C-alpha atoms as a PDB file:
ATOM      1  CA  MET A   1      22.861  -3.286  29.864  1.00  0.00           C
ATOM      2  CA  PRO A   2      19.636  -5.303  30.382  1.00  0.00           C
ATOM      3  CA  GLU A   3      17.583  -2.147  29.814  1.00  0.00           C
ATOM      4  CA  GLN A   4      19.334  -1.495  26.489  1.00  0.00           C
ATOM      5  CA  LEU A   5      18.829  -5.121  25.440  1.00  0.00           C
ATOM      6  CA  VAL A   6      15.096  -5.025  26.143  1.00  0.00           C
ATOM      7  CA  PHE A   7      14.815  -1.656  24.374  1.00  0.00           C
ATOM      8  CA  ALA A   8      16.639  -3.074  21.345  1.00  0.00           C
ATOM      9  CA  MET A   9      14.212  -6.030  21.284  1.00  0.00           C
ATOM     10  CA  GLU A  10      11.295  -3.612  21.396  1.00  0.00           C
ATOM     11  CA  VAL A  11      12.797  -1.539  18.559  1.00  0.00           C
ATOM     12  CA  PHE A  12      13.326  -4.712  16.499  1.00  0.00           C
ATOM     13  CA  LEU A  13       9.735  -5.911  16.874  1.00  0.00           C
ATOM     14  CA  ASN A  14       8.293  -2.452  16.215  1.00  0.00           C
ATOM     15  CA  GLY A  15      10.472  -2.340  13.106  1.00  0.00           C
ATOM     16  CA  LEU A  16       8.916  -5.611  11.953  1.00  0.00           C
ATOM     17  CA  MET A  17       5.464  -4.144  12.442  1.00  0.00           C
ATOM     18  CA  ALA A  18       6.345  -0.950  10.552  1.00  0.00           C
ATOM     19  CA  GLY A  19       7.792  -3.078   7.766  1.00  0.00           C
ATOM     20  CA  VAL A  20       4.480  -4.903   7.411  1.00  0.00           C
ATOM     21  CA  LEU A  21       2.710  -1.579   6.817  1.00  0.00           C
ATOM     22  CA  TYR A  22       5.296  -0.626   4.177  1.00  0.00           C
ATOM     23  CA  ALA A  23       4.844  -4.011   2.554  1.00  0.00           C
ATOM     24  CA  LEU A  24       1.070  -3.586   2.301  1.00  0.00           C
ATOM     25  CA  VAL A  25       1.613  -0.565   0.061  1.00  0.00           C
ATOM     26  CA  ALA A  26       4.362  -2.292  -1.925  1.00  0.00           C
ATOM     27  CA  LEU A  27       2.017  -5.204  -2.645  1.00  0.00           C
ATOM     28  CA  GLY A  28      -0.145  -2.979  -4.819  1.00  0.00           C
ATOM     29  CA  PHE A  29       2.877  -1.972  -6.899  1.00  0.00           C
ATOM     30  CA  VAL A  30       3.924  -5.604  -7.315  1.00  0.00           C
ATOM     31  CA  LEU A  31       0.470  -6.782  -8.395  1.00  0.00           C
ATOM     32  CA  ILE A  32       0.085  -4.237 -11.183  1.00  0.00           C
ATOM     33  CA  TYR A  33       3.687  -4.518 -12.349  1.00  0.00           C
ATOM     34  CA  LYS A  34       3.568  -8.306 -12.288  1.00  0.00           C
ATOM     35  CA  ALA A  35       0.337  -8.443 -14.278  1.00  0.00           C
ATOM     36  CA  SER A  36       0.745  -5.588 -16.746  1.00  0.00           C
ATOM     37  CA  GLY A  37       4.354  -4.422 -16.666  1.00  0.00           C
ATOM     38  CA  ILE A  38       3.169  -0.982 -15.456  1.00  0.00           C
ATOM     39  CA  PHE A  39       4.867   0.757 -12.557  1.00  0.00           C
ATOM     40  CA  ASN A  40       1.806   2.322 -10.920  1.00  0.00           C
ATOM     41  CA  TYR A  41       2.882   5.651  -9.443  1.00  0.00           C
ATOM     42  CA  ALA A  42      -0.728   6.178  -8.298  1.00  0.00           C
ATOM     43  CA  GLN A  43      -0.751   3.294  -5.785  1.00  0.00           C
ATOM     44  CA  GLY A  44      -0.128   5.546  -2.781  1.00  0.00           C
ATOM     45  CA  VAL A  45      -2.877   7.933  -3.903  1.00  0.00           C
ATOM     46  CA  MET A  46      -5.200   4.957  -4.350  1.00  0.00           C
ATOM     47  CA  ALA A  47      -4.632   4.076  -0.683  1.00  0.00           C
ATOM     48  CA  LEU A  48      -5.391   7.702   0.261  1.00  0.00           C
ATOM     49  CA  PHE A  49      -8.522   7.830  -1.906  1.00  0.00           C
ATOM     50  CA  ALA A  50      -9.800   4.518  -0.528  1.00  0.00           C
ATOM     51  CA  ALA A  51      -9.277   5.721   3.052  1.00  0.00           C
ATOM     52  CA  LEU A  52     -10.988   9.075   2.341  1.00  0.00           C
ATOM     53  CA  THR A  53     -13.931   7.307   0.723  1.00  0.00           C
ATOM     54  CA  LEU A  54     -14.282   4.835   3.574  1.00  0.00           C
ATOM     55  CA  VAL A  55     -14.363   7.569   6.215  1.00  0.00           C
ATOM     56  CA  GLY A  56     -16.729   9.680   4.115  1.00  0.00           C
ATOM     57  CA  ILE A  57     -19.198   6.795   3.697  1.00  0.00           C
ATOM     58  CA  MET A  58     -19.012   5.823   7.376  1.00  0.00           C
ATOM     59  CA  GLU A  59     -19.720   9.397   8.511  1.00  0.00           C
ATOM     60  CA  GLY A  60     -22.501   9.937   5.975  1.00  0.00           C
ATOM     61  CA  GLN A  61     -20.646  12.804   4.323  1.00  0.00           C
ATOM     62  CA  VAL A  62     -22.132  14.270   1.131  1.00  0.00           C
ATOM     63  CA  PRO A  63     -19.668  13.784  -1.765  1.00  0.00           C
ATOM     64  CA  PHE A  64     -18.554  17.017  -3.435  1.00  0.00           C
ATOM     65  CA  ALA A  65     -20.342  18.990  -0.696  1.00  0.00           C
ATOM     66  CA  HIS A  66     -17.994  21.981  -1.030  1.00  0.00           C
ATOM     67  CA  VAL A  67     -18.587  22.188  -4.786  1.00  0.00           C
ATOM     68  CA  ILE A  68     -22.369  21.832  -4.399  1.00  0.00           C
ATOM     69  CA  ASN A  69     -22.467  24.510  -1.704  1.00  0.00           C
ATOM     70  CA  ALA A  70     -20.328  26.895  -3.761  1.00  0.00           C
ATOM     71  CA  ILE A  71     -22.533  26.515  -6.857  1.00  0.00           C
ATOM     72  CA  PHE A  72     -25.992  26.537  -5.267  1.00  0.00           C
ATOM     73  CA  GLY A  73     -25.302  28.533  -2.089  1.00  0.00           C
ATOM     74  CA  THR A  74     -26.423  25.688   0.160  1.00  0.00           C
ATOM     75  CA  GLU A  75     -24.972  24.488   3.458  1.00  0.00           C
ATOM     76  CA  ILE A  76     -25.199  20.721   3.205  1.00  0.00           C
ATOM     77  CA  HIS A  77     -22.405  18.527   4.515  1.00  0.00           C
ATOM     78  CA  HIS A  78     -23.882  15.272   5.870  1.00  0.00           C
ATOM     79  CA  PHE A  79     -26.845  13.038   5.083  1.00  0.00           C
ATOM     80  CA  GLY A  80     -27.591  12.619   8.778  1.00  0.00           C
ATOM     81  CA  TRP A  81     -26.756   8.925   9.095  1.00  0.00           C
ATOM     82  CA  HIS A  82     -23.749   6.750   9.844  1.00  0.00           C
ATOM     83  CA  VAL A  83     -22.883   3.571   7.958  1.00  0.00           C
ATOM     84  CA  PRO A  84     -21.486   0.488   9.788  1.00  0.00           C
ATOM     85  CA  ALA A  85     -17.809  -0.146   9.109  1.00  0.00           C
ATOM     86  CA  PHE A  86     -18.291  -3.505   7.366  1.00  0.00           C
ATOM     87  CA  LEU A  87     -20.917  -2.153   4.949  1.00  0.00           C
ATOM     88  CA  ALA A  88     -18.792   0.950   4.313  1.00  0.00           C
ATOM     89  CA  ILE A  89     -15.798  -1.254   3.449  1.00  0.00           C
ATOM     90  CA  LEU A  90     -17.934  -3.193   0.936  1.00  0.00           C
ATOM     91  CA  LEU A  91     -19.214   0.028  -0.641  1.00  0.00           C
ATOM     92  CA  THR A  92     -15.681   1.427  -0.839  1.00  0.00           C
ATOM     93  CA  MET A  93     -14.449  -1.763  -2.487  1.00  0.00           C
ATOM     94  CA  GLY A  94     -17.258  -1.455  -5.005  1.00  0.00           C
ATOM     95  CA  LEU A  95     -16.119   2.074  -5.780  1.00  0.00           C
ATOM     96  CA  MET A  96     -12.525   0.889  -6.241  1.00  0.00           C
ATOM     97  CA  VAL A  97     -13.718  -1.773  -8.703  1.00  0.00           C
ATOM     98  CA  GLY A  98     -15.606   0.940 -10.583  1.00  0.00           C
ATOM     99  CA  PHE A  99     -12.436   3.020 -10.584  1.00  0.00           C
ATOM    100  CA  ALA A 100     -10.519   0.055 -12.041  1.00  0.00           C
ATOM    101  CA  TYR A 101     -13.093  -0.265 -14.814  1.00  0.00           C
ATOM    102  CA  LEU A 102     -12.885   3.430 -15.697  1.00  0.00           C
ATOM    103  CA  VAL A 103      -9.075   3.397 -15.672  1.00  0.00           C
ATOM    104  CA  GLN A 104      -9.079   0.525 -18.136  1.00  0.00           C
ATOM    105  CA  ARG A 105     -11.804   1.879 -20.400  1.00  0.00           C
ATOM    106  CA  LEU A 106     -10.667   5.502 -20.494  1.00  0.00           C
ATOM    107  CA  VAL A 107      -6.871   5.219 -20.222  1.00  0.00           C
ATOM    108  CA  PHE A 108      -5.052   1.917 -20.614  1.00  0.00           C
ATOM    109  CA  ARG A 109      -7.291   0.456 -23.317  1.00  0.00           C
ATOM    110  CA  HIS A 110      -5.793   3.067 -25.621  1.00  0.00           C
ATOM    111  CA  LEU A 111      -2.205   2.344 -24.570  1.00  0.00           C
ATOM    112  CA  VAL A 112      -1.916  -1.365 -25.400  1.00  0.00           C
ATOM    113  CA  GLY A 113       1.547  -2.122 -26.768  1.00  0.00           C
ATOM    114  CA  GLN A 114       2.998   1.264 -25.849  1.00  0.00           C
ATOM    115  CA  GLU A 115       6.421   1.743 -24.281  1.00  0.00           C
ATOM    116  CA  PRO A 116       6.629   1.287 -20.463  1.00  0.00           C
ATOM    117  CA  ILE A 117       7.612   4.944 -19.982  1.00  0.00           C
ATOM    118  CA  ILE A 118       4.333   6.041 -21.591  1.00  0.00           C
ATOM    119  CA  LEU A 119       2.340   3.785 -19.267  1.00  0.00           C
ATOM    120  CA  PHE A 120       4.321   5.121 -16.298  1.00  0.00           C
ATOM    121  CA  MET A 121       3.574   8.732 -17.270  1.00  0.00           C
ATOM    122  CA  ALA A 122      -0.105   7.815 -17.501  1.00  0.00           C
ATOM    123  CA  THR A 123      -0.054   6.615 -13.882  1.00  0.00           C
ATOM    124  CA  ILE A 124       1.565   9.907 -12.791  1.00  0.00           C
ATOM    125  CA  GLY A 125      -1.298  11.819 -14.383  1.00  0.00           C
ATOM    126  CA  LEU A 126      -3.740   9.383 -12.795  1.00  0.00           C
ATOM    127  CA  ALA A 127      -2.208   9.985  -9.364  1.00  0.00           C
ATOM    128  CA  TYR A 128      -2.620  13.771  -9.508  1.00  0.00           C
ATOM    129  CA  PHE A 129      -6.125  13.456 -10.957  1.00  0.00           C
ATOM    130  CA  LEU A 130      -7.212  11.033  -8.223  1.00  0.00           C
ATOM    131  CA  GLU A 131      -5.722  13.226  -5.501  1.00  0.00           C
ATOM    132  CA  GLY A 132      -7.647  16.245  -6.833  1.00  0.00           C
ATOM    133  CA  VAL A 133     -10.890  14.269  -7.050  1.00  0.00           C
ATOM    134  CA  GLY A 134     -10.388  13.047  -3.484  1.00  0.00           C
ATOM    135  CA  ASP A 135      -9.962  16.636  -2.293  1.00  0.00           C
ATOM    136  CA  LEU A 136     -13.097  17.827  -4.107  1.00  0.00           C
ATOM    137  CA  MET A 137     -15.115  14.792  -3.105  1.00  0.00           C
ATOM    138  CA  TRP A 138     -14.320  14.504   0.611  1.00  0.00           C
ATOM    139  CA  GLY A 139     -12.400  17.659   1.615  1.00  0.00           C
ATOM    140  CA  SER A 140      -8.784  18.115   2.668  1.00  0.00           C
ATOM    141  CA  GLU A 141      -9.102  18.172   6.466  1.00  0.00           C
ATOM    142  CA  ILE A 142      -7.536  15.413   8.572  1.00  0.00           C
ATOM    143  CA  LYS A 143     -10.050  12.681   9.399  1.00  0.00           C
ATOM    144  CA  LYS A 144     -10.100  10.083  12.141  1.00  0.00           C
ATOM    145  CA  MET A 145     -10.699   6.491  11.074  1.00  0.00           C
ATOM    146  CA  ASP A 146     -12.230   3.915  13.388  1.00  0.00           C
ATOM    147  CA  VAL A 147     -13.350   0.625  11.828  1.00  0.00           C
ATOM    148  CA  GLY A 148     -13.208  -1.299  15.089  1.00  0.00           C
ATOM    149  CA  LEU A 149      -9.599  -2.476  14.929  1.00  0.00           C
ATOM    150  CA  PRO A 150      -7.905  -2.828  18.341  1.00  0.00           C
ATOM    151  CA  GLN A 151      -5.480  -0.029  19.184  1.00  0.00           C
ATOM    152  CA  GLY A 152      -3.157   0.882  22.019  1.00  0.00           C
ATOM    153  CA  ILE A 153      -0.437  -0.993  23.851  1.00  0.00           C
ATOM    154  CA  ASN A 154      -0.887  -4.745  24.117  1.00  0.00           C
ATOM    155  CA  ASP A 155      -1.072  -5.415  27.862  1.00  0.00           C
ATOM    156  CA  TRP A 156      -0.645  -9.184  27.533  1.00  0.00           C
ATOM    157  CA  ILE A 157       2.721  -8.905  25.773  1.00  0.00           C
ATOM    158  CA  ASP A 158       3.844  -6.076  28.017  1.00  0.00           C
ATOM    159  CA  VAL A 159       3.029  -7.722  31.342  1.00  0.00           C
ATOM    160  CA  THR A 160       2.992 -11.467  30.817  1.00  0.00           C
ATOM    161  CA  THR A 161       5.567 -12.271  28.181  1.00  0.00           C
ATOM    162  CA  PHE A 162       8.323  -9.703  27.991  1.00  0.00           C
ATOM    163  CA  ASN A 163       8.263  -7.956  31.343  1.00  0.00           C
ATOM    164  CA  ILE A 164      11.830  -9.022  32.096  1.00  0.00           C
ATOM    165  CA  PHE A 165      14.633  -7.295  33.925  1.00  0.00           C
ATOM    166  CA  ASP A 166      11.927  -5.028  35.444  1.00  0.00           C
ATOM    167  CA  TYR A 167      11.604  -3.082  32.180  1.00  0.00           C
ATOM    168  CA  GLY A 168       8.437  -2.598  30.131  1.00  0.00           C
ATOM    169  CA  PHE A 169       7.952  -3.898  26.614  1.00  0.00           C
ATOM    170  CA  PHE A 170       5.493  -2.170  24.315  1.00  0.00           C
ATOM    171  CA  ILE A 171       3.811  -3.485  21.153  1.00  0.00           C
ATOM    172  CA  ASP A 172       0.815  -1.802  19.483  1.00  0.00           C
ATOM    173  CA  ASN A 173      -2.296  -3.945  19.013  1.00  0.00           C
ATOM    174  CA  LEU A 174      -2.879  -2.394  15.584  1.00  0.00           C
ATOM    175  CA  ASP A 175       0.569  -3.503  14.438  1.00  0.00           C
ATOM    176  CA  ILE A 176      -0.199  -7.078  15.494  1.00  0.00           C
ATOM    177  CA  VAL A 177      -3.487  -7.024  13.555  1.00  0.00           C
ATOM    178  CA  ALA A 178      -1.735  -5.540  10.505  1.00  0.00           C
ATOM    179  CA  THR A 179       0.830  -8.340  10.603  1.00  0.00           C
ATOM    180  CA  ILE A 180      -1.850 -11.043  10.698  1.00  0.00           C
ATOM    181  CA  ILE A 181      -3.814  -9.412   7.872  1.00  0.00           C
ATOM    182  CA  ALA A 182      -0.667  -9.031   5.744  1.00  0.00           C
ATOM    183  CA  ILE A 183       0.212 -12.719   6.179  1.00  0.00           C
ATOM    184  CA  LEU A 184      -3.282 -13.806   5.140  1.00  0.00           C
ATOM    185  CA  LEU A 185      -3.321 -11.347   2.230  1.00  0.00           C
ATOM    186  CA  VAL A 186       0.046 -12.475   0.877  1.00  0.00           C
ATOM    187  CA  GLY A 187      -0.940 -16.130   1.155  1.00  0.00           C
ATOM    188  CA  ALA A 188      -4.172 -15.505  -0.757  1.00  0.00           C
ATOM    189  CA  LEU A 189      -2.412 -13.499  -3.471  1.00  0.00           C
ATOM    190  CA  VAL A 190       0.298 -16.127  -3.957  1.00  0.00           C
ATOM    191  CA  LEU A 191      -2.317 -18.885  -4.305  1.00  0.00           C
ATOM    192  CA  PHE A 192      -4.325 -16.733  -6.706  1.00  0.00           C
ATOM    193  CA  SER A 193      -1.384 -15.861  -8.966  1.00  0.00           C
ATOM    194  CA  GLN A 194       0.074 -19.384  -9.049  1.00  0.00           C
ATOM    195  CA  TYR A 195      -2.912 -21.727  -9.077  1.00  0.00           C
ATOM    196  CA  THR A 196      -5.797 -19.971 -10.833  1.00  0.00           C
ATOM    197  CA  LYS A 197      -6.537 -19.471 -14.498  1.00  0.00           C
ATOM    198  CA  GLN A 198      -6.817 -15.719 -13.984  1.00  0.00           C
ATOM    199  CA  GLY A 199      -3.465 -15.613 -12.197  1.00  0.00           C
ATOM    200  CA  ARG A 200      -1.711 -17.405 -15.042  1.00  0.00           C
ATOM    201  CA  ALA A 201      -3.375 -15.079 -17.533  1.00  0.00           C
ATOM    202  CA  MET A 202      -2.076 -12.097 -15.548  1.00  0.00           C
ATOM    203  CA  ARG A 203       1.479 -13.387 -15.847  1.00  0.00           C
ATOM    204  CA  ALA A 204       1.018 -13.975 -19.571  1.00  0.00           C
ATOM    205  CA  VAL A 205      -0.169 -10.401 -20.073  1.00  0.00           C
ATOM    206  CA  ALA A 206       2.854  -9.102 -18.186  1.00  0.00           C
ATOM    207  CA  ASP A 207       5.240 -11.034 -20.431  1.00  0.00           C
ATOM    208  CA  ASP A 208       3.798  -9.810 -23.737  1.00  0.00           C
ATOM    209  CA  HIS A 209       0.549  -7.946 -24.386  1.00  0.00           C
ATOM    210  CA  GLN A 210       0.288  -8.899 -28.045  1.00  0.00           C
ATOM    211  CA  ALA A 211       1.190 -12.549 -27.478  1.00  0.00           C
ATOM    212  CA  ALA A 212      -1.432 -12.822 -24.723  1.00  0.00           C
ATOM    213  CA  LEU A 213      -4.044 -11.345 -27.064  1.00  0.00           C
ATOM    214  CA  SER A 214      -3.086 -13.811 -29.787  1.00  0.00           C
ATOM    215  CA  VAL A 215      -3.852 -16.822 -27.575  1.00  0.00           C
ATOM    216  CA  GLY A 216      -7.242 -15.529 -26.517  1.00  0.00           C
ATOM    217  CA  VAL A 217      -6.472 -13.735 -23.232  1.00  0.00           C
ATOM    218  CA  SER A 218      -8.786 -10.764 -22.743  1.00  0.00           C
ATOM    219  CA  LEU A 219      -6.487  -7.861 -21.972  1.00  0.00           C
ATOM    220  CA  ASN A 220      -9.358  -5.630 -20.895  1.00  0.00           C
ATOM    221  CA  TYR A 221     -10.646  -8.194 -18.402  1.00  0.00           C
ATOM    222  CA  ILE A 222      -7.215  -8.928 -16.949  1.00  0.00           C
ATOM    223  CA  TRP A 223      -6.345  -5.273 -16.463  1.00  0.00           C
ATOM    224  CA  ILE A 224      -9.680  -4.547 -14.806  1.00  0.00           C
ATOM    225  CA  LEU A 225      -9.115  -7.560 -12.559  1.00  0.00           C
ATOM    226  CA  VAL A 226      -5.597  -6.598 -11.545  1.00  0.00           C
ATOM    227  CA  TRP A 227      -6.499  -2.951 -10.896  1.00  0.00           C
ATOM    228  CA  SER A 228      -9.443  -4.140  -8.803  1.00  0.00           C
ATOM    229  CA  VAL A 229      -7.181  -6.400  -6.721  1.00  0.00           C
ATOM    230  CA  ALA A 230      -4.665  -3.557  -6.380  1.00  0.00           C
ATOM    231  CA  GLY A 231      -7.538  -1.318  -5.284  1.00  0.00           C
ATOM    232  CA  PHE A 232      -8.456  -3.855  -2.595  1.00  0.00           C
ATOM    233  CA  VAL A 233      -4.832  -3.939  -1.391  1.00  0.00           C
ATOM    234  CA  ALA A 234      -4.809  -0.115  -1.410  1.00  0.00           C
ATOM    235  CA  LEU A 235      -7.975  -0.152   0.707  1.00  0.00           C
ATOM    236  CA  VAL A 236      -6.382  -2.497   3.252  1.00  0.00           C
ATOM    237  CA  ALA A 237      -3.243  -0.328   3.388  1.00  0.00           C
ATOM    238  CA  GLY A 238      -5.364   2.817   3.681  1.00  0.00           C
ATOM    239  CA  ILE A 239      -7.305   1.329   6.598  1.00  0.00           C
ATOM    240  CA  MET A 240      -4.140   0.379   8.468  1.00  0.00           C
ATOM    241  CA  TRP A 241      -2.295   3.646   7.878  1.00  0.00           C
ATOM    242  CA  GLY A 242      -5.439   5.754   8.351  1.00  0.00           C
ATOM    243  CA  THR A 243      -6.231   4.068  11.665  1.00  0.00           C
ATOM    244  CA  LYS A 244      -2.643   4.484  12.807  1.00  0.00           C
ATOM    245  CA  SER A 245      -1.972   8.114  11.850  1.00  0.00           C
ATOM    246  CA  GLY A 246      -5.269   9.581  10.632  1.00  0.00           C
ATOM    247  CA  VAL A 247      -6.538  10.031   7.090  1.00  0.00           C
ATOM    248  CA  GLN A 248      -4.640  12.971   5.615  1.00  0.00           C
ATOM    249  CA  PHE A 249      -3.191  13.823   2.239  1.00  0.00           C
ATOM    250  CA  SER A 250       0.355  13.078   3.362  1.00  0.00           C
ATOM    251  CA  LEU A 251      -0.826   9.449   3.380  1.00  0.00           C
ATOM    252  CA  SER A 252      -0.106   9.337  -0.363  1.00  0.00           C
ATOM    253  CA  LEU A 253       3.602   9.828   0.387  1.00  0.00           C
ATOM    254  CA  ILE A 254       3.856   6.331   1.875  1.00  0.00           C
ATOM    255  CA  ALA A 255       4.288   5.227  -1.733  1.00  0.00           C
ATOM    256  CA  LEU A 256       7.758   6.788  -1.643  1.00  0.00           C
ATOM    257  CA  LYS A 257       8.757   4.533   1.247  1.00  0.00           C
ATOM    258  CA  ALA A 258       7.429   1.549  -0.712  1.00  0.00           C
ATOM    259  CA  LEU A 259       9.982   2.149  -3.485  1.00  0.00           C
ATOM    260  CA  PRO A 260      12.995   0.920  -1.468  1.00  0.00           C
ATOM    261  CA  VAL A 261      10.881  -2.062  -0.427  1.00  0.00           C
ATOM    262  CA  LEU A 262      10.370  -2.959  -4.089  1.00  0.00           C
ATOM    263  CA  MET A 263      14.048  -2.519  -4.881  1.00  0.00           C
ATOM    264  CA  LEU A 264      14.986  -4.938  -2.131  1.00  0.00           C
ATOM    265  CA  GLY A 265      12.282  -7.538  -2.668  1.00  0.00           C
ATOM    266  CA  GLY A 266      11.946  -7.325  -6.444  1.00  0.00           C
ATOM    267  CA  PHE A 267       9.215  -5.761  -8.567  1.00  0.00           C
ATOM    268  CA  THR A 268       7.684  -9.115  -9.543  1.00  0.00           C
ATOM    269  CA  SER A 269       7.650 -10.992  -6.232  1.00  0.00           C
ATOM    270  CA  ILE A 270       4.712 -10.912  -3.828  1.00  0.00           C
ATOM    271  CA  PRO A 271       6.674 -12.591  -0.974  1.00  0.00           C
ATOM    272  CA  GLY A 272       9.572 -10.261  -1.854  1.00  0.00           C
ATOM    273  CA  ALA A 273       7.371  -7.253  -1.023  1.00  0.00           C
ATOM    274  CA  ILE A 274       6.872  -8.612   2.487  1.00  0.00           C
ATOM    275  CA  VAL A 275      10.532  -9.525   3.013  1.00  0.00           C
ATOM    276  CA  GLY A 276      11.675  -6.173   1.629  1.00  0.00           C
ATOM    277  CA  GLY A 277       9.248  -4.343   3.892  1.00  0.00           C
ATOM    278  CA  LEU A 278      10.484  -6.212   6.962  1.00  0.00           C
ATOM    279  CA  ILE A 279      14.130  -5.479   6.075  1.00  0.00           C
ATOM    280  CA  ILE A 280      13.400  -1.779   5.610  1.00  0.00           C
ATOM    281  CA  GLY A 281      11.275  -1.546   8.763  1.00  0.00           C
ATOM    282  CA  VAL A 282      13.748  -3.341  11.027  1.00  0.00           C
ATOM    283  CA  GLY A 283      16.806  -1.768   9.394  1.00  0.00           C
ATOM    284  CA  GLU A 284      15.689   1.833   9.764  1.00  0.00           C
ATOM    285  CA  LYS A 285      14.573   1.345  13.385  1.00  0.00           C
ATOM    286  CA  LEU A 286      17.750  -0.427  14.490  1.00  0.00           C
ATOM    287  CA  PHE A 287      19.961   2.028  12.582  1.00  0.00           C
ATOM    288  CA  GLU A 288      18.253   4.963  14.274  1.00  0.00           C
ATOM    289  CA  PHE A 289      18.532   3.211  17.638  1.00  0.00           C
ATOM    290  CA  SER A 290      22.226   2.356  17.329  1.00  0.00           C
ATOM    291  CA  LEU A 291      23.746   5.110  15.183  1.00  0.00           C
ATOM    292  CA  GLY A 292      21.066   7.780  14.987  1.00  0.00           C
ATOM    293  CA  PRO A 293      22.254   9.835  17.978  1.00  0.00           C
ATOM    294  CA  ALA A 294      25.831   9.914  16.656  1.00  0.00           C
ATOM    295  CA  LEU A 295      24.618  11.060  13.212  1.00  0.00           C
ATOM    296  CA  GLY A 296      22.305  13.777  14.454  1.00  0.00           C
ATOM    297  CA  GLY A 297      19.070  11.751  14.358  1.00  0.00           C
ATOM    298  CA  ALA A 298      16.327  11.537  11.695  1.00  0.00           C
ATOM    299  CA  THR A 299      18.142   8.703   9.913  1.00  0.00           C
ATOM    300  CA  GLU A 300      14.805   6.999   9.205  1.00  0.00           C
ATOM    301  CA  ASN A 301      14.187   9.621   6.511  1.00  0.00           C
ATOM    302  CA  TRP A 302      17.081   8.431   4.338  1.00  0.00           C
ATOM    303  CA  PHE A 303      18.248   5.000   5.521  1.00  0.00           C
ATOM    304  CA  ALA A 304      15.836   3.036   3.294  1.00  0.00           C
ATOM    305  CA  TYR A 305      16.943   4.869   0.148  1.00  0.00           C
ATOM    306  CA  VAL A 306      20.640   4.376   0.857  1.00  0.00           C
ATOM    307  CA  LEU A 307      20.055   0.675   1.446  1.00  0.00           C
ATOM    308  CA  ALA A 308      18.063   0.462  -1.795  1.00  0.00           C
ATOM    309  CA  LEU A 309      20.916   2.199  -3.657  1.00  0.00           C
ATOM    310  CA  VAL A 310      23.343  -0.444  -2.418  1.00  0.00           C
ATOM    311  CA  PHE A 311      21.007  -3.179  -3.665  1.00  0.00           C
ATOM    312  CA  LEU A 312      20.687  -1.484  -7.053  1.00  0.00           C
ATOM    313  CA  VAL A 313      24.460  -1.544  -7.446  1.00  0.00           C
ATOM    314  CA  PHE A 314      25.018  -5.182  -6.492  1.00  0.00           C
ATOM    315  CA  ARG A 315      21.654  -6.882  -7.194  1.00  0.00           C
ATOM    316  CA  PRO A 316      19.399  -4.632  -9.303  1.00  0.00           C
ATOM    317  CA  GLN A 317      16.648  -7.257  -9.647  1.00  0.00           C
ATOM    318  CA  GLY A 318      16.215  -7.469  -5.856  1.00  0.00           C
ATOM    319  CA  LEU A 319      16.323 -10.483  -3.573  1.00  0.00           C
ATOM    320  CA  PHE A 320      13.391 -12.290  -5.191  1.00  0.00           C
ATOM    321  CA  GLY A 321      13.203 -10.576  -8.572  1.00  0.00           C
ATOM    322  CA  GLU A 322      13.713 -12.417 -11.821  1.00  0.00           C
ATOM    323  CA  ARG A 323      17.149 -11.992 -13.378  1.00  0.00           C
ATOM    324  CA  ILE A 324      16.777 -10.408 -16.802  1.00  0.00           C
ATOM    325  CA  ILE A 325      18.941 -12.006 -19.517  1.00  0.00           C
ATOM    326  CA  GLU A 326      18.897 -10.450 -22.984  1.00  0.00           C
ATOM    327  CA  ARG A 327      20.569 -11.772 -26.102  1.00  0.00           C
ATOM    328  CA  VAL A 328      22.780  -9.237 -27.870  1.00  0.00           C
END
């Protein structure tokens, strides 16, 4: 019995840590939806592209090397230098800001006032385009990411704090770092959206594009800003997931796990993204621990979506979402 109790505690805490990683991806969805009313299907691919770019810059990889070699018959792959992690992160963030500018100028500037479904379809096209560019630019092989974040089992927690009943207790250092970063990130985003002029303008744009334009809000500037912030969040998520499981194209699928998080927390709530992520992370781990063996295992693949379906039936706006009231 004590062994099962300690194991359940370990599962619970690891679920919290996994939920934080889900929430980091969901934050990008919330930011863009909150500021522009667009459900950004490309958020997961943005995290993948940011992670690919970061690794490519750090390793000194030549962008589009495969295309260049195929056209000119050369054999170039690397510049011959390595870039420090901090500088590479800054360069990658600069590229994500440039991506935000191009998205606004080439795509969404022409879609002002269009129906939400049209904007959503645009993000689907953007996702596939960005995934293809990432493949051509950096290659499709799995890459290892190391930006200096601590990894491995935390010995202090294992030995000093929770070594009870003569059973081990294991928490990953990377999960602890991800939790701290997520808390700081959410706090900064909440302060930005609630107490800055740009944050209030973002909310005005989300309510009504035309009305925001009529009172002097620059729609182009706000959309570039919000896509840049979402790109930064995607970079943070890409670093965490890439460090944890390697940078590979399946990384873009983490966006699918973020959908139940949004349904639970609400599409317009930044704290809701964190709470929803924690509920999903803990729920799927504990469900697998308690009922998984009786149900044949692999319940983590579908538990989050079933839970989200229940929320859609009884509270479609989510725990922290705004209740929509329309006059008929």
